[in-house]
Amino acid sequence: MLRAMTGAIAFDTHRFVKRLTEGGFTEEQAETLAEEHVALLNTNLATKADIEAVRADRAVVKVDFAAVRADLAAFKADLRRALAGFKADLLKWLFGAMIAQAGLIVALVKLL
């Protein structure tokens, strides 16, 4: 029988096959299933080395918060300038509409 031993887990294939045959599997089916489980365990479980590699990669990724803050400050300044321009345009339209409305009212009063 196979005995899988990875860095993370020990898999007793003999016990596995024995339990499957007791449950109704043929010995050939149980052995095939055990071999596939061993293959899956060996290829899909993370080892300590895998975890350390991920930690090392994560340590390399650092965020330059000063640069992010500077970008946000520049964006905020641009947004304020744009809003100030919109405010000026809105006031121009508002005063223009008020003058037009006042002219219309004067014209209507004169007509009556």
C-alpha atoms as a PDB file:
ATOM      1  CA  MET A   1       0.000   0.000   0.000  1.00  0.00           C
ATOM      2  CA  LEU A   2       0.966   3.612  -0.466  1.00  0.00           C
ATOM      3  CA  ARG A   3       1.652   5.887   2.406  1.00  0.00           C
ATOM      4  CA  ALA A   4       1.508   9.559   1.491  1.00  0.00           C
ATOM      5  CA  MET A   5       3.657  11.839   3.523  1.00  0.00           C
ATOM      6  CA  THR A   6       3.714  15.519   2.729  1.00  0.00           C
ATOM      7  CA  GLY A   7       5.038  18.368   4.811  1.00  0.00           C
ATOM      8  CA  ALA A   8       1.500  19.132   5.945  1.00  0.00           C
ATOM      9  CA  ILE A   9      -0.296  15.798   6.396  1.00  0.00           C
ATOM     10  CA  ALA A  10       0.248  12.052   6.729  1.00  0.00           C
ATOM     11  CA  PHE A  11      -2.311   9.996   4.791  1.00  0.00           C
ATOM     12  CA  ASP A  12      -2.693   6.336   5.730  1.00  0.00           C
ATOM     13  CA  THR A  13      -3.679   4.708   2.446  1.00  0.00           C
ATOM     14  CA  HIS A  14      -3.899   1.229   3.986  1.00  0.00           C
ATOM     15  CA  ARG A  15      -6.538   2.358   6.464  1.00  0.00           C
ATOM     16  CA  PHE A  16      -8.316   4.284   3.695  1.00  0.00           C
ATOM     17  CA  VAL A  17      -8.448   1.230   1.400  1.00  0.00           C
ATOM     18  CA  LYS A  18      -9.529  -1.007   4.286  1.00  0.00           C
ATOM     19  CA  ARG A  19     -12.430   1.301   5.206  1.00  0.00           C
ATOM     20  CA  LEU A  20     -13.549   1.598   1.574  1.00  0.00           C
ATOM     21  CA  THR A  21     -13.547  -2.169   1.058  1.00  0.00           C
ATOM     22  CA  GLU A  22     -15.547  -2.586   4.271  1.00  0.00           C
ATOM     23  CA  GLY A  23     -18.010  -0.066   2.817  1.00  0.00           C
ATOM     24  CA  GLY A  24     -18.551  -2.034  -0.392  1.00  0.00           C
ATOM     25  CA  PHE A  25     -15.803  -0.926  -2.765  1.00  0.00           C
ATOM     26  CA  THR A  26     -13.691  -3.508  -4.536  1.00  0.00           C
ATOM     27  CA  GLU A  27     -10.052  -3.541  -3.554  1.00  0.00           C
ATOM     28  CA  GLU A  28      -9.071  -2.242  -7.008  1.00  0.00           C
ATOM     29  CA  GLN A  29     -11.524   0.665  -6.725  1.00  0.00           C
ATOM     30  CA  ALA A  30     -10.341   1.487  -3.231  1.00  0.00           C
ATOM     31  CA  GLU A  31      -6.662   1.424  -4.251  1.00  0.00           C
ATOM     32  CA  THR A  32      -7.314   3.628  -7.279  1.00  0.00           C
ATOM     33  CA  LEU A  33      -9.206   6.109  -5.121  1.00  0.00           C
ATOM     34  CA  ALA A  34      -6.402   6.081  -2.538  1.00  0.00           C
ATOM     35  CA  GLU A  35      -3.790   6.774  -5.225  1.00  0.00           C
ATOM     36  CA  GLU A  36      -5.817   9.699  -6.523  1.00  0.00           C
ATOM     37  CA  HIS A  37      -6.220  11.097  -3.014  1.00  0.00           C
ATOM     38  CA  VAL A  38      -2.469  10.893  -2.481  1.00  0.00           C
ATOM     39  CA  ALA A  39      -1.855  12.681  -5.782  1.00  0.00           C
ATOM     40  CA  LEU A  40      -4.338  15.408  -4.865  1.00  0.00           C
ATOM     41  CA  LEU A  41      -2.849  15.853  -1.416  1.00  0.00           C
ATOM     42  CA  ASN A  42       0.682  16.061  -2.791  1.00  0.00           C
ATOM     43  CA  THR A  43      -0.192  18.641  -5.435  1.00  0.00           C
ATOM     44  CA  ASN A  44      -2.836  20.783  -3.728  1.00  0.00           C
ATOM     45  CA  LEU A  45      -1.765  21.218  -0.120  1.00  0.00           C
ATOM     46  CA  ALA A  46       0.327  24.204   0.801  1.00  0.00           C
ATOM     47  CA  THR A  47       3.580  23.426   2.528  1.00  0.00           C
ATOM     48  CA  LYS A  48       5.424  25.626   4.995  1.00  0.00           C
ATOM     49  CA  ALA A  49       7.701  26.655   2.119  1.00  0.00           C
ATOM     50  CA  ASP A  50       4.662  27.712   0.057  1.00  0.00           C
ATOM     51  CA  ILE A  51       3.339  29.823   2.917  1.00  0.00           C
ATOM     52  CA  GLU A  52       6.731  31.434   3.484  1.00  0.00           C
ATOM     53  CA  ALA A  53       6.971  32.251  -0.238  1.00  0.00           C
ATOM     54  CA  VAL A  54       3.584  33.978  -0.110  1.00  0.00           C
ATOM     55  CA  ARG A  55       4.635  35.924   2.972  1.00  0.00           C
ATOM     56  CA  ALA A  56       7.846  36.997   1.243  1.00  0.00           C
ATOM     57  CA  ASP A  57       5.926  38.121  -1.860  1.00  0.00           C
ATOM     58  CA  ARG A  58       3.457  40.055   0.275  1.00  0.00           C
ATOM     59  CA  ALA A  59       6.311  41.804   2.085  1.00  0.00           C
ATOM     60  CA  VAL A  60       7.659  43.045  -1.252  1.00  0.00           C
ATOM     61  CA  VAL A  61       4.379  44.802  -2.060  1.00  0.00           C
ATOM     62  CA  LYS A  62       4.499  48.049  -0.146  1.00  0.00           C
ATOM     63  CA  VAL A  63       2.287  51.046  -0.627  1.00  0.00           C
ATOM     64  CA  ASP A  64       3.834  54.476  -0.750  1.00  0.00           C
ATOM     65  CA  PHE A  65       1.223  56.279   1.309  1.00  0.00           C
ATOM     66  CA  ALA A  66       2.944  59.642   0.855  1.00  0.00           C
ATOM     67  CA  ALA A  67       2.502  59.341  -2.918  1.00  0.00           C
ATOM     68  CA  VAL A  68      -1.131  58.290  -2.500  1.00  0.00           C
ATOM     69  CA  ARG A  69      -1.781  61.269  -0.215  1.00  0.00           C
ATOM     70  CA  ALA A  70      -0.119  63.612  -2.717  1.00  0.00           C
ATOM     71  CA  ASP A  71      -2.264  62.211  -5.544  1.00  0.00           C
ATOM     72  CA  LEU A  72      -5.401  62.633  -3.448  1.00  0.00           C
ATOM     73  CA  ALA A  73      -4.451  66.213  -2.562  1.00  0.00           C
ATOM     74  CA  ALA A  74      -3.893  67.033  -6.247  1.00  0.00           C
ATOM     75  CA  PHE A  75      -7.225  65.435  -7.160  1.00  0.00           C
ATOM     76  CA  LYS A  76      -8.957  67.398  -4.401  1.00  0.00           C
ATOM     77  CA  ALA A  77      -7.438  70.666  -5.658  1.00  0.00           C
ATOM     78  CA  ASP A  78      -8.505  69.892  -9.238  1.00  0.00           C
ATOM     79  CA  LEU A  79     -12.008  69.065  -8.048  1.00  0.00           C
ATOM     80  CA  ARG A  80     -12.269  72.330  -6.108  1.00  0.00           C
ATOM     81  CA  ARG A  81     -11.175  74.316  -9.185  1.00  0.00           C
ATOM     82  CA  ALA A  82     -13.721  72.510 -11.346  1.00  0.00           C
ATOM     83  CA  LEU A  83     -16.492  73.122  -8.816  1.00  0.00           C
ATOM     84  CA  ALA A  84     -15.542  76.800  -8.575  1.00  0.00           C
ATOM     85  CA  GLY A  85     -15.831  77.065 -12.366  1.00  0.00           C
ATOM     86  CA  PHE A  86     -19.242  75.382 -12.318  1.00  0.00           C
ATOM     87  CA  LYS A  87     -20.359  77.729  -9.546  1.00  0.00           C
ATOM     88  CA  ALA A  88     -19.306  80.783 -11.567  1.00  0.00           C
ATOM     89  CA  ASP A  89     -21.154  79.482 -14.652  1.00  0.00           C
ATOM     90  CA  LEU A  90     -24.252  78.783 -12.591  1.00  0.00           C
ATOM     91  CA  LEU A  91     -24.217  82.292 -11.112  1.00  0.00           C
ATOM     92  CA  LYS A  92     -23.895  83.811 -14.606  1.00  0.00           C
ATOM     93  CA  TRP A  93     -26.912  81.836 -15.821  1.00  0.00           C
ATOM     94  CA  LEU A  94     -28.876  82.660 -12.673  1.00  0.00           C
ATOM     95  CA  PHE A  95     -28.256  86.410 -12.897  1.00  0.00           C
ATOM     96  CA  GLY A  96     -28.979  86.354 -16.632  1.00  0.00           C
ATOM     97  CA  ALA A  97     -32.279  84.576 -15.999  1.00  0.00           C
ATOM     98  CA  MET A  98     -33.159  87.051 -13.219  1.00  0.00           C
ATOM     99  CA  ILE A  99     -32.493  90.040 -15.503  1.00  0.00           C
ATOM    100  CA  ALA A 100     -34.533  88.438 -18.286  1.00  0.00           C
ATOM    101  CA  GLN A 101     -37.369  87.756 -15.856  1.00  0.00           C
ATOM    102  CA  ALA A 102     -37.263  91.322 -14.544  1.00  0.00           C
ATOM    103  CA  GLY A 103     -37.368  92.635 -18.131  1.00  0.00           C
ATOM    104  CA  LEU A 104     -40.338  90.402 -18.909  1.00  0.00           C
ATOM    105  CA  ILE A 105     -42.203  91.631 -15.838  1.00  0.00           C
ATOM    106  CA  VAL A 106     -41.535  95.294 -16.752  1.00  0.00           C
ATOM    107  CA  ALA A 107     -42.712  94.679 -20.317  1.00  0.00           C
ATOM    108  CA  LEU A 108     -45.914  92.975 -19.108  1.00  0.00           C
ATOM    109  CA  VAL A 109     -46.660  95.801 -16.640  1.00  0.00           C
ATOM    110  CA  LYS A 110     -46.233  98.391 -19.407  1.00  0.00           C
ATOM    111  CA  LEU A 111     -48.553  96.437 -21.706  1.00  0.00           C
ATOM    112  CA  LEU A 112     -51.329  96.375 -19.141  1.00  0.00           C
END
